[in-house]
N, C-alpha and C. Protein backbone atom coordinates (compact mmCIF):
# COMPACT_ATOMS: atom_id res chain seq x y z
N MET A 1 18.27 15.50 3.47
CA MET A 1 18.15 14.67 4.67
C MET A 1 16.79 14.94 5.33
N THR A 2 16.15 13.88 5.77
CA THR A 2 14.81 14.00 6.34
C THR A 2 14.88 14.31 7.83
N SER A 3 14.13 15.32 8.28
CA SER A 3 14.11 15.65 9.70
C SER A 3 13.19 14.70 10.43
N ALA A 4 13.36 14.64 11.76
CA ALA A 4 12.55 13.73 12.57
C ALA A 4 11.08 14.12 12.54
N THR A 5 10.80 15.40 12.27
CA THR A 5 9.41 15.86 12.35
C THR A 5 8.56 15.37 11.19
N ASN A 6 9.17 15.00 10.06
CA ASN A 6 8.35 14.54 8.94
C ASN A 6 8.63 13.09 8.57
N ARG A 7 9.24 12.35 9.46
CA ARG A 7 9.46 10.92 9.28
C ARG A 7 8.52 10.17 10.23
N ILE A 8 7.77 9.24 9.68
CA ILE A 8 6.79 8.47 10.46
C ILE A 8 7.13 7.00 10.32
N GLU A 9 7.44 6.37 11.44
CA GLU A 9 7.81 4.95 11.43
C GLU A 9 6.57 4.06 11.33
N ILE A 10 6.71 2.98 10.58
CA ILE A 10 5.68 1.94 10.51
C ILE A 10 6.32 0.67 11.08
N SER A 11 5.92 0.30 12.26
CA SER A 11 6.50 -0.89 12.89
C SER A 11 6.15 -2.13 12.08
N ALA A 12 7.01 -3.14 12.16
CA ALA A 12 6.77 -4.40 11.45
C ALA A 12 5.40 -4.95 11.81
N GLY A 13 4.57 -5.19 10.81
CA GLY A 13 3.26 -5.77 11.03
C GLY A 13 2.19 -4.79 11.46
N ALA A 14 2.52 -3.49 11.52
CA ALA A 14 1.56 -2.48 11.98
C ALA A 14 1.24 -1.50 10.84
N ALA A 15 0.38 -0.53 11.14
CA ALA A 15 -0.04 0.44 10.13
C ALA A 15 -0.11 1.83 10.72
N VAL A 16 -0.05 2.84 9.84
CA VAL A 16 -0.23 4.23 10.24
C VAL A 16 -1.15 4.91 9.23
N ALA A 17 -1.84 5.95 9.68
CA ALA A 17 -2.66 6.79 8.81
C ALA A 17 -2.14 8.22 8.90
N VAL A 18 -2.02 8.89 7.77
CA VAL A 18 -1.52 10.27 7.75
C VAL A 18 -2.41 11.12 6.86
N ASP A 19 -2.54 12.39 7.24
CA ASP A 19 -3.25 13.37 6.42
C ASP A 19 -2.25 13.97 5.44
N VAL A 20 -2.62 14.01 4.17
CA VAL A 20 -1.74 14.55 3.14
C VAL A 20 -2.52 15.62 2.39
N ALA A 21 -1.97 16.83 2.35
CA ALA A 21 -2.65 17.94 1.68
C ALA A 21 -2.53 17.81 0.17
N ALA A 22 -3.46 18.40 -0.54
CA ALA A 22 -3.38 18.43 -2.00
C ALA A 22 -2.08 19.11 -2.41
N GLY A 23 -1.34 18.47 -3.29
CA GLY A 23 -0.05 18.99 -3.75
C GLY A 23 1.14 18.51 -2.95
N GLN A 24 0.89 17.95 -1.77
CA GLN A 24 1.98 17.47 -0.92
C GLN A 24 2.46 16.10 -1.39
N CYS A 25 3.76 15.84 -1.22
CA CYS A 25 4.34 14.55 -1.58
C CYS A 25 4.61 13.72 -0.33
N ILE A 26 4.51 12.43 -0.50
CA ILE A 26 4.81 11.49 0.57
C ILE A 26 5.65 10.37 -0.03
N ARG A 27 6.69 9.99 0.69
CA ARG A 27 7.53 8.86 0.27
C ARG A 27 7.23 7.66 1.17
N VAL A 28 7.03 6.53 0.55
CA VAL A 28 6.92 5.26 1.27
C VAL A 28 8.27 4.58 1.11
N VAL A 29 8.99 4.44 2.21
CA VAL A 29 10.39 4.00 2.17
C VAL A 29 10.53 2.60 2.75
N ASN A 30 11.21 1.74 2.02
CA ASN A 30 11.48 0.37 2.46
C ASN A 30 12.74 0.41 3.32
N SER A 31 12.58 0.67 4.59
CA SER A 31 13.71 0.96 5.49
C SER A 31 14.78 -0.11 5.46
N PHE A 32 14.38 -1.38 5.49
CA PHE A 32 15.32 -2.49 5.64
C PHE A 32 15.38 -3.39 4.42
N GLY A 33 14.56 -3.09 3.42
CA GLY A 33 14.48 -3.94 2.23
C GLY A 33 13.51 -5.09 2.42
N GLY A 34 12.89 -5.50 1.32
CA GLY A 34 12.06 -6.70 1.33
C GLY A 34 10.71 -6.60 1.98
N GLN A 35 10.28 -5.40 2.38
CA GLN A 35 9.00 -5.25 3.08
C GLN A 35 7.90 -4.83 2.12
N VAL A 36 6.83 -5.61 2.05
CA VAL A 36 5.64 -5.21 1.30
C VAL A 36 4.85 -4.22 2.15
N VAL A 37 4.36 -3.15 1.52
CA VAL A 37 3.59 -2.12 2.23
C VAL A 37 2.24 -1.96 1.55
N ASP A 38 1.19 -2.49 2.18
CA ASP A 38 -0.17 -2.30 1.66
C ASP A 38 -0.55 -0.84 1.85
N THR A 39 -1.02 -0.21 0.76
CA THR A 39 -1.24 1.23 0.77
C THR A 39 -2.65 1.56 0.27
N TRP A 40 -3.33 2.42 1.03
CA TRP A 40 -4.66 2.89 0.65
C TRP A 40 -4.69 4.42 0.71
N ALA A 41 -5.60 5.02 -0.05
CA ALA A 41 -5.83 6.46 0.04
C ALA A 41 -7.33 6.72 -0.01
N PHE A 42 -7.78 7.62 0.84
CA PHE A 42 -9.20 7.98 0.94
C PHE A 42 -9.34 9.48 0.78
N LEU A 43 -10.35 9.91 0.06
CA LEU A 43 -10.63 11.33 -0.04
C LEU A 43 -11.00 11.84 1.35
N ALA A 44 -10.30 12.86 1.82
CA ALA A 44 -10.49 13.30 3.20
C ALA A 44 -11.92 13.75 3.48
N SER A 45 -12.58 14.31 2.49
CA SER A 45 -13.93 14.84 2.69
C SER A 45 -15.02 13.79 2.54
N ASP A 46 -14.68 12.62 2.02
CA ASP A 46 -15.68 11.57 1.81
C ASP A 46 -14.97 10.23 1.69
N LEU A 47 -14.93 9.47 2.78
CA LEU A 47 -14.17 8.22 2.79
C LEU A 47 -14.76 7.16 1.86
N ARG A 48 -15.96 7.40 1.36
CA ARG A 48 -16.53 6.45 0.41
C ARG A 48 -15.83 6.53 -0.93
N GLU A 49 -15.10 7.63 -1.15
CA GLU A 49 -14.29 7.75 -2.36
C GLU A 49 -12.86 7.37 -2.02
N GLN A 50 -12.37 6.33 -2.70
CA GLN A 50 -11.11 5.68 -2.31
C GLN A 50 -10.26 5.39 -3.54
N LEU A 51 -8.96 5.38 -3.32
CA LEU A 51 -8.06 4.92 -4.37
C LEU A 51 -8.49 3.52 -4.80
N SER A 52 -8.66 3.33 -6.11
CA SER A 52 -9.18 2.07 -6.62
C SER A 52 -8.19 1.45 -7.60
N MET A 53 -7.75 0.24 -7.29
CA MET A 53 -6.84 -0.46 -8.18
C MET A 53 -7.51 -0.80 -9.50
N GLU A 54 -8.76 -1.28 -9.46
CA GLU A 54 -9.42 -1.66 -10.71
C GLU A 54 -9.67 -0.45 -11.61
N HIS A 55 -10.07 0.68 -11.02
CA HIS A 55 -10.27 1.88 -11.82
C HIS A 55 -8.94 2.43 -12.33
N SER A 56 -7.89 2.33 -11.51
CA SER A 56 -6.57 2.83 -11.94
C SER A 56 -5.99 1.96 -13.05
N ARG A 57 -6.21 0.66 -12.98
CA ARG A 57 -5.76 -0.20 -14.09
C ARG A 57 -6.47 0.18 -15.38
N SER A 58 -7.76 0.46 -15.29
CA SER A 58 -8.51 0.87 -16.47
C SER A 58 -8.03 2.23 -16.98
N ALA A 59 -7.73 3.15 -16.04
CA ALA A 59 -7.31 4.50 -16.42
C ALA A 59 -5.94 4.51 -17.09
N THR A 60 -5.04 3.65 -16.61
CA THR A 60 -3.67 3.64 -17.14
C THR A 60 -3.43 2.54 -18.17
N TYR A 61 -4.36 1.60 -18.26
CA TYR A 61 -4.20 0.40 -19.09
C TYR A 61 -2.90 -0.33 -18.74
N ARG A 62 -2.62 -0.40 -17.44
CA ARG A 62 -1.44 -1.10 -16.94
C ARG A 62 -1.83 -1.85 -15.67
N ILE A 63 -1.12 -2.96 -15.41
CA ILE A 63 -1.30 -3.60 -14.10
C ILE A 63 -0.15 -3.26 -13.16
N LEU A 64 0.92 -2.70 -13.70
CA LEU A 64 2.02 -2.18 -12.89
C LEU A 64 2.19 -0.71 -13.24
N PHE A 65 2.02 0.14 -12.26
CA PHE A 65 2.07 1.58 -12.50
C PHE A 65 3.51 2.08 -12.46
N LYS A 66 3.73 3.24 -13.09
CA LYS A 66 5.09 3.78 -13.19
C LYS A 66 5.06 5.29 -12.94
N PRO A 67 6.24 5.89 -12.69
CA PRO A 67 6.29 7.33 -12.49
C PRO A 67 5.64 8.08 -13.65
N GLY A 68 4.86 9.09 -13.29
CA GLY A 68 4.09 9.85 -14.27
C GLY A 68 2.64 9.43 -14.34
N ASP A 69 2.33 8.22 -13.88
CA ASP A 69 0.94 7.75 -13.88
C ASP A 69 0.14 8.45 -12.79
N SER A 70 -1.09 8.81 -13.14
CA SER A 70 -2.05 9.30 -12.15
C SER A 70 -3.02 8.17 -11.82
N LEU A 71 -3.18 7.90 -10.53
CA LEU A 71 -4.07 6.84 -10.08
C LEU A 71 -5.38 7.46 -9.62
N VAL A 72 -6.47 6.74 -9.85
CA VAL A 72 -7.79 7.33 -9.69
C VAL A 72 -8.61 6.61 -8.63
N SER A 73 -9.71 7.26 -8.26
CA SER A 73 -10.62 6.73 -7.25
C SER A 73 -11.67 5.84 -7.89
N ASN A 74 -12.53 5.30 -7.05
CA ASN A 74 -13.65 4.51 -7.53
C ASN A 74 -14.69 5.37 -8.26
N ARG A 75 -14.45 6.68 -8.32
CA ARG A 75 -15.29 7.58 -9.12
C ARG A 75 -14.49 8.22 -10.25
N PHE A 76 -13.35 7.61 -10.56
CA PHE A 76 -12.46 8.06 -11.64
C PHE A 76 -11.93 9.47 -11.42
N ARG A 77 -11.83 9.90 -10.19
CA ARG A 77 -11.17 11.17 -9.87
C ARG A 77 -9.68 10.89 -9.69
N ALA A 78 -8.81 11.72 -10.30
CA ALA A 78 -7.37 11.58 -10.09
C ALA A 78 -7.05 11.90 -8.64
N MET A 79 -6.46 10.93 -7.93
CA MET A 79 -6.20 11.09 -6.49
C MET A 79 -4.73 11.30 -6.19
N LEU A 80 -3.86 10.64 -6.93
CA LEU A 80 -2.44 10.80 -6.67
C LEU A 80 -1.65 10.53 -7.94
N ARG A 81 -0.44 11.08 -7.97
CA ARG A 81 0.46 10.88 -9.11
C ARG A 81 1.77 10.31 -8.59
N ILE A 82 2.30 9.35 -9.30
CA ILE A 82 3.59 8.76 -8.93
C ILE A 82 4.70 9.68 -9.44
N GLU A 83 5.48 10.21 -8.51
CA GLU A 83 6.55 11.14 -8.87
C GLU A 83 7.88 10.44 -9.08
N ALA A 84 8.16 9.40 -8.31
CA ALA A 84 9.45 8.72 -8.40
C ALA A 84 9.34 7.32 -7.83
N ASP A 85 10.22 6.45 -8.31
CA ASP A 85 10.27 5.07 -7.81
C ASP A 85 11.70 4.58 -7.96
N THR A 86 12.39 4.40 -6.83
CA THR A 86 13.78 3.95 -6.88
C THR A 86 13.91 2.44 -6.74
N SER A 87 12.79 1.76 -6.58
CA SER A 87 12.79 0.30 -6.44
C SER A 87 12.83 -0.36 -7.81
N PRO A 88 12.87 -1.70 -7.88
CA PRO A 88 12.78 -2.36 -9.19
C PRO A 88 11.47 -2.10 -9.93
N GLY A 89 10.48 -1.51 -9.26
CA GLY A 89 9.29 -1.04 -9.97
C GLY A 89 8.12 -2.00 -10.03
N ILE A 90 8.16 -3.07 -9.25
CA ILE A 90 7.06 -4.04 -9.26
C ILE A 90 6.25 -3.86 -7.98
N HIS A 91 4.99 -3.42 -8.16
CA HIS A 91 4.10 -3.14 -7.04
C HIS A 91 2.74 -3.74 -7.37
N ASP A 92 2.40 -4.82 -6.73
CA ASP A 92 1.18 -5.58 -7.05
C ASP A 92 -0.08 -4.72 -6.95
N THR A 93 -0.98 -4.91 -7.92
CA THR A 93 -2.26 -4.21 -7.91
C THR A 93 -3.44 -5.19 -7.92
N LEU A 94 -3.17 -6.48 -7.73
CA LEU A 94 -4.20 -7.51 -7.91
C LEU A 94 -4.65 -8.18 -6.62
N HIS A 95 -3.76 -8.34 -5.66
CA HIS A 95 -4.08 -9.11 -4.46
C HIS A 95 -4.88 -8.30 -3.45
N ALA A 96 -5.86 -8.95 -2.83
CA ALA A 96 -6.58 -8.36 -1.70
C ALA A 96 -5.65 -8.28 -0.50
N ALA A 97 -6.01 -7.43 0.46
CA ALA A 97 -5.25 -7.36 1.71
C ALA A 97 -5.35 -8.68 2.46
N CYS A 98 -4.28 -9.06 3.14
CA CYS A 98 -4.35 -10.24 3.99
C CYS A 98 -5.35 -9.98 5.11
N SER A 99 -6.00 -11.03 5.57
CA SER A 99 -7.07 -10.90 6.57
C SER A 99 -7.20 -12.21 7.32
N ALA A 100 -7.97 -12.18 8.40
CA ALA A 100 -8.25 -13.43 9.12
C ALA A 100 -8.91 -14.43 8.19
N ALA A 101 -9.79 -13.93 7.32
CA ALA A 101 -10.49 -14.82 6.38
C ALA A 101 -9.52 -15.44 5.38
N SER A 102 -8.56 -14.65 4.88
CA SER A 102 -7.61 -15.21 3.92
C SER A 102 -6.69 -16.22 4.60
N TYR A 103 -6.30 -15.93 5.85
CA TYR A 103 -5.48 -16.91 6.57
C TYR A 103 -6.23 -18.23 6.73
N ARG A 104 -7.52 -18.13 7.06
CA ARG A 104 -8.33 -19.35 7.21
C ARG A 104 -8.39 -20.09 5.88
N PHE A 105 -8.59 -19.36 4.79
CA PHE A 105 -8.68 -19.97 3.45
C PHE A 105 -7.42 -20.75 3.12
N TYR A 106 -6.25 -20.18 3.49
CA TYR A 106 -4.97 -20.84 3.17
C TYR A 106 -4.51 -21.79 4.27
N GLY A 107 -5.32 -21.97 5.30
CA GLY A 107 -4.98 -22.94 6.34
C GLY A 107 -3.98 -22.45 7.35
N HIS A 108 -3.97 -21.14 7.62
CA HIS A 108 -3.02 -20.57 8.57
C HIS A 108 -3.74 -20.04 9.81
N ASP A 109 -2.96 -19.62 10.79
CA ASP A 109 -3.48 -19.11 12.06
C ASP A 109 -4.27 -17.82 11.83
N GLN A 110 -5.56 -17.85 12.14
CA GLN A 110 -6.42 -16.69 11.89
C GLN A 110 -6.14 -15.54 12.85
N THR A 111 -5.46 -15.81 13.96
CA THR A 111 -5.22 -14.76 14.96
C THR A 111 -3.96 -13.95 14.66
N HIS A 112 -3.19 -14.35 13.63
CA HIS A 112 -1.98 -13.61 13.27
C HIS A 112 -2.38 -12.22 12.76
N PRO A 113 -1.60 -11.19 13.05
CA PRO A 113 -1.92 -9.84 12.56
C PRO A 113 -2.10 -9.82 11.04
N ASN A 114 -2.93 -8.90 10.57
CA ASN A 114 -3.19 -8.82 9.13
C ASN A 114 -3.48 -7.38 8.72
N CYS A 115 -3.36 -7.12 7.43
CA CYS A 115 -3.49 -5.75 6.93
C CYS A 115 -4.92 -5.24 6.98
N GLU A 116 -5.90 -6.13 6.80
CA GLU A 116 -7.29 -5.67 6.87
C GLU A 116 -7.61 -5.14 8.26
N ASP A 117 -7.24 -5.88 9.29
CA ASP A 117 -7.46 -5.41 10.66
C ASP A 117 -6.63 -4.16 10.96
N ASN A 118 -5.41 -4.10 10.40
CA ASN A 118 -4.58 -2.91 10.59
C ASN A 118 -5.29 -1.67 10.05
N LEU A 119 -5.85 -1.79 8.84
CA LEU A 119 -6.56 -0.66 8.24
C LEU A 119 -7.76 -0.26 9.08
N ARG A 120 -8.58 -1.23 9.44
CA ARG A 120 -9.76 -0.92 10.26
C ARG A 120 -9.34 -0.26 11.58
N GLY A 121 -8.27 -0.76 12.18
CA GLY A 121 -7.82 -0.25 13.47
C GLY A 121 -7.38 1.19 13.43
N VAL A 122 -6.54 1.55 12.43
CA VAL A 122 -6.06 2.94 12.38
C VAL A 122 -7.18 3.89 12.01
N MET A 123 -8.14 3.44 11.22
CA MET A 123 -9.26 4.31 10.89
C MET A 123 -10.17 4.51 12.10
N LEU A 124 -10.32 3.48 12.91
CA LEU A 124 -11.15 3.61 14.11
C LEU A 124 -10.55 4.59 15.12
N THR A 125 -9.21 4.72 15.13
CA THR A 125 -8.60 5.71 16.02
C THR A 125 -9.00 7.12 15.63
N ARG A 126 -9.50 7.29 14.42
CA ARG A 126 -10.01 8.58 13.94
C ARG A 126 -11.54 8.61 13.96
N ASP A 127 -12.13 7.62 14.63
CA ASP A 127 -13.59 7.49 14.68
C ASP A 127 -14.19 7.32 13.29
N LEU A 128 -13.46 6.61 12.43
CA LEU A 128 -13.92 6.35 11.07
C LEU A 128 -14.06 4.85 10.88
N GLU A 129 -15.25 4.42 10.52
CA GLU A 129 -15.51 2.99 10.33
C GLU A 129 -15.76 2.72 8.86
N LEU A 130 -15.04 1.73 8.33
CA LEU A 130 -15.16 1.39 6.91
C LEU A 130 -16.22 0.32 6.70
N ASP A 131 -17.05 0.52 5.68
CA ASP A 131 -18.06 -0.48 5.35
C ASP A 131 -17.43 -1.68 4.64
N ALA A 132 -16.42 -1.41 3.84
CA ALA A 132 -15.75 -2.48 3.07
C ALA A 132 -14.28 -2.12 2.94
N ILE A 133 -13.46 -3.13 2.66
CA ILE A 133 -12.02 -2.94 2.52
C ILE A 133 -11.65 -2.91 1.04
N PRO A 134 -11.18 -1.76 0.54
CA PRO A 134 -10.77 -1.72 -0.87
C PRO A 134 -9.48 -2.50 -1.09
N CYS A 135 -9.28 -2.91 -2.32
CA CYS A 135 -8.02 -3.58 -2.67
C CYS A 135 -6.87 -2.60 -2.48
N PRO A 136 -5.81 -2.99 -1.77
CA PRO A 136 -4.69 -2.07 -1.56
C PRO A 136 -3.77 -2.02 -2.78
N TRP A 137 -2.98 -0.97 -2.83
CA TRP A 137 -1.84 -0.92 -3.75
C TRP A 137 -0.69 -1.52 -2.95
N ASN A 138 -0.25 -2.70 -3.35
CA ASN A 138 0.73 -3.46 -2.56
C ASN A 138 2.14 -3.06 -2.98
N LEU A 139 2.61 -1.96 -2.41
CA LEU A 139 3.93 -1.46 -2.78
C LEU A 139 5.00 -2.48 -2.43
N PHE A 140 5.91 -2.65 -3.37
CA PHE A 140 7.08 -3.53 -3.26
C PHE A 140 6.73 -5.02 -3.31
N GLU A 141 5.45 -5.35 -3.56
CA GLU A 141 5.11 -6.77 -3.67
C GLU A 141 5.37 -7.26 -5.08
N HIS A 142 6.18 -8.31 -5.18
CA HIS A 142 6.64 -8.84 -6.46
C HIS A 142 5.66 -9.93 -6.93
N ALA A 143 4.55 -9.50 -7.51
CA ALA A 143 3.56 -10.43 -8.05
C ALA A 143 3.39 -10.14 -9.54
N LEU A 144 3.43 -11.18 -10.35
CA LEU A 144 3.37 -11.02 -11.80
C LEU A 144 2.38 -12.00 -12.40
N VAL A 145 1.86 -11.64 -13.57
CA VAL A 145 0.96 -12.52 -14.31
C VAL A 145 1.77 -13.26 -15.37
N ALA A 146 1.70 -14.58 -15.34
CA ALA A 146 2.42 -15.41 -16.31
C ALA A 146 1.66 -15.47 -17.63
N ALA A 147 2.32 -16.00 -18.65
CA ALA A 147 1.71 -16.07 -19.98
C ALA A 147 0.43 -16.89 -20.00
N ASP A 148 0.33 -17.87 -19.10
CA ASP A 148 -0.87 -18.70 -19.06
C ASP A 148 -1.98 -18.10 -18.19
N GLY A 149 -1.76 -16.88 -17.70
CA GLY A 149 -2.77 -16.19 -16.90
C GLY A 149 -2.66 -16.42 -15.42
N SER A 150 -1.75 -17.29 -14.98
CA SER A 150 -1.60 -17.56 -13.55
C SER A 150 -0.76 -16.46 -12.89
N LEU A 151 -0.96 -16.32 -11.57
CA LEU A 151 -0.19 -15.36 -10.78
C LEU A 151 0.98 -16.05 -10.12
N SER A 152 2.10 -15.35 -10.03
CA SER A 152 3.24 -15.87 -9.27
C SER A 152 3.68 -14.80 -8.29
N ASP A 153 4.03 -15.23 -7.09
CA ASP A 153 4.53 -14.33 -6.05
C ASP A 153 5.99 -14.66 -5.77
N GLU A 154 6.82 -13.65 -5.82
CA GLU A 154 8.23 -13.80 -5.47
C GLU A 154 8.53 -12.92 -4.27
N THR A 155 9.66 -13.20 -3.63
CA THR A 155 10.08 -12.34 -2.52
C THR A 155 10.34 -10.93 -3.03
N SER A 156 9.91 -9.94 -2.28
CA SER A 156 10.11 -8.55 -2.68
C SER A 156 11.59 -8.29 -2.97
N ALA A 157 11.83 -7.61 -4.09
CA ALA A 157 13.20 -7.27 -4.50
C ALA A 157 13.61 -5.89 -4.02
N ALA A 158 12.77 -5.24 -3.22
CA ALA A 158 13.09 -3.90 -2.74
C ALA A 158 14.33 -3.92 -1.85
N ARG A 159 15.21 -2.95 -2.09
CA ARG A 159 16.44 -2.84 -1.31
C ARG A 159 16.26 -1.84 -0.17
N PRO A 160 17.11 -1.92 0.85
CA PRO A 160 17.03 -0.93 1.93
C PRO A 160 17.12 0.49 1.38
N GLY A 161 16.17 1.32 1.74
CA GLY A 161 16.16 2.71 1.29
C GLY A 161 15.37 2.97 0.02
N ASP A 162 14.98 1.92 -0.70
CA ASP A 162 14.14 2.12 -1.89
C ASP A 162 12.84 2.81 -1.48
N TYR A 163 12.33 3.68 -2.35
CA TYR A 163 11.09 4.37 -2.02
C TYR A 163 10.23 4.61 -3.26
N VAL A 164 8.96 4.82 -2.99
CA VAL A 164 8.01 5.31 -3.99
C VAL A 164 7.52 6.66 -3.48
N GLU A 165 7.63 7.68 -4.33
CA GLU A 165 7.17 9.03 -3.96
C GLU A 165 5.89 9.34 -4.73
N ILE A 166 4.85 9.71 -3.99
CA ILE A 166 3.57 10.02 -4.62
C ILE A 166 3.13 11.42 -4.20
N ARG A 167 2.42 12.08 -5.11
CA ARG A 167 1.89 13.42 -4.83
C ARG A 167 0.36 13.34 -4.73
N ALA A 168 -0.17 13.86 -3.65
CA ALA A 168 -1.62 13.90 -3.49
C ALA A 168 -2.20 14.96 -4.42
N LEU A 169 -3.23 14.59 -5.16
CA LEU A 169 -3.90 15.54 -6.05
C LEU A 169 -5.19 16.08 -5.42
N GLU A 170 -5.55 15.53 -4.28
CA GLU A 170 -6.69 15.97 -3.47
C GLU A 170 -6.27 15.82 -2.01
N PRO A 171 -6.95 16.47 -1.08
CA PRO A 171 -6.68 16.20 0.34
C PRO A 171 -7.03 14.75 0.65
N LEU A 172 -6.06 14.01 1.19
CA LEU A 172 -6.22 12.57 1.35
C LEU A 172 -5.89 12.12 2.78
N VAL A 173 -6.46 10.99 3.14
CA VAL A 173 -5.98 10.20 4.27
C VAL A 173 -5.29 8.98 3.65
N VAL A 174 -3.99 8.85 3.89
CA VAL A 174 -3.22 7.74 3.35
C VAL A 174 -2.89 6.77 4.48
N VAL A 175 -3.14 5.50 4.24
CA VAL A 175 -2.87 4.46 5.22
C VAL A 175 -1.85 3.49 4.64
N CYS A 176 -0.82 3.17 5.41
CA CYS A 176 0.20 2.21 4.99
C CYS A 176 0.37 1.15 6.07
N SER A 177 0.37 -0.11 5.65
CA SER A 177 0.54 -1.24 6.57
C SER A 177 1.77 -2.03 6.16
N ALA A 178 2.72 -2.18 7.08
CA ALA A 178 3.90 -3.03 6.83
C ALA A 178 3.43 -4.47 6.94
N CYS A 179 3.13 -5.06 5.82
CA CYS A 179 2.38 -6.32 5.76
C CYS A 179 2.99 -7.40 6.66
N PRO A 180 2.16 -7.96 7.58
CA PRO A 180 2.65 -8.99 8.49
C PRO A 180 2.48 -10.41 7.98
N SER A 181 1.88 -10.56 6.79
CA SER A 181 1.54 -11.90 6.31
C SER A 181 2.76 -12.80 6.19
N LYS A 182 2.61 -14.03 6.65
CA LYS A 182 3.65 -15.04 6.48
C LYS A 182 3.18 -16.14 5.54
N VAL A 183 2.05 -15.90 4.85
CA VAL A 183 1.59 -16.82 3.82
C VAL A 183 2.46 -16.60 2.59
N GLY A 184 3.12 -17.63 2.11
CA GLY A 184 4.05 -17.46 1.01
C GLY A 184 5.33 -16.80 1.47
N ARG A 185 5.97 -16.08 0.56
CA ARG A 185 7.29 -15.52 0.87
C ARG A 185 7.42 -14.07 0.39
N ILE A 186 6.32 -13.34 0.36
CA ILE A 186 6.36 -12.02 -0.26
C ILE A 186 7.31 -11.06 0.43
N SER A 187 7.45 -11.18 1.75
CA SER A 187 8.38 -10.31 2.48
C SER A 187 9.59 -11.08 3.00
N GLY A 188 9.94 -12.16 2.31
CA GLY A 188 11.11 -12.93 2.70
C GLY A 188 10.91 -13.64 4.02
N THR A 189 11.77 -13.37 4.97
CA THR A 189 11.73 -14.07 6.26
C THR A 189 10.67 -13.53 7.21
N GLY A 190 10.03 -12.42 6.84
CA GLY A 190 8.99 -11.87 7.70
C GLY A 190 9.00 -10.36 7.68
N PRO A 191 8.00 -9.72 8.31
CA PRO A 191 7.90 -8.26 8.29
C PRO A 191 9.07 -7.59 9.00
N ARG A 192 9.49 -6.45 8.44
CA ARG A 192 10.64 -5.72 8.98
C ARG A 192 10.29 -4.29 9.37
N GLY A 193 9.21 -3.78 8.82
CA GLY A 193 8.86 -2.39 9.04
C GLY A 193 9.29 -1.50 7.88
N ALA A 194 8.80 -0.27 7.90
CA ALA A 194 9.08 0.71 6.85
C ALA A 194 8.91 2.09 7.48
N HIS A 195 9.01 3.13 6.66
CA HIS A 195 8.70 4.46 7.18
C HIS A 195 8.20 5.37 6.07
N LEU A 196 7.53 6.44 6.49
CA LEU A 196 7.03 7.45 5.57
C LEU A 196 7.82 8.73 5.76
N GLU A 197 7.96 9.48 4.68
CA GLU A 197 8.55 10.81 4.73
C GLU A 197 7.56 11.78 4.10
N LEU A 198 7.09 12.74 4.88
CA LEU A 198 6.20 13.78 4.36
C LEU A 198 7.05 14.94 3.89
N LEU A 199 6.92 15.29 2.62
CA LEU A 199 7.80 16.28 2.00
C LEU A 199 7.09 17.62 1.83
C-alpha cells in the first residue's frame, strides 16, 4: 500500500515534475482509467540531455516499448528501464505534445490547456527554461501504425489503477502531464487526472 508521502497527484489537465534518484522506481498510475499521460525525463545535471523517443526507437527497434526495455537519451545514454506494465501495453511514441500551435492546426481553441505549456510551466517553477520541447512518451495513448503506414488513434484502454513502473538509471527530473487535449478521443470524454508513486 502506498503512503501519502510518496504519492503525488496529477490534476486533470495539469502536470508535475519530480526528482528521481538513480536506481529509484516511479509508477505512473492511471487513477481513473482512460487518461493519457505525456511523460518526459531530463538528466538532472544537464537538461539538454533528455529522454528521446526517436533514439529509444532506434535503440530498441520497437515503436511500442515493453518491460525490460531500456530507453535512452538524445545522446544514447540509458536513462530509464521499464520494470512493469499492468496496462494493455500500448504507449504512443510518435505524437508530439499537444500545444496551442497544434490546436490551431486542427482548428480548435488555442487557449485550451495543453501539455507543451504544462511542461514549460512546471520547469519554470524550478527556474529552468527549455529551448525546445522533446517528443513525449505518451503513456496509455492508444496510437497504432496501420499496414498502409497511416496512424490511428483510439480511446485509451487503460483501466483504473493500471500503471507503468520505470527505474531511473541516472538522476532525473521526470515530468508527467495528464493530457488535457480534447482533439480526437484519446482520453475518452476528457482528462481525469492520474498520480505518481515514488518507490
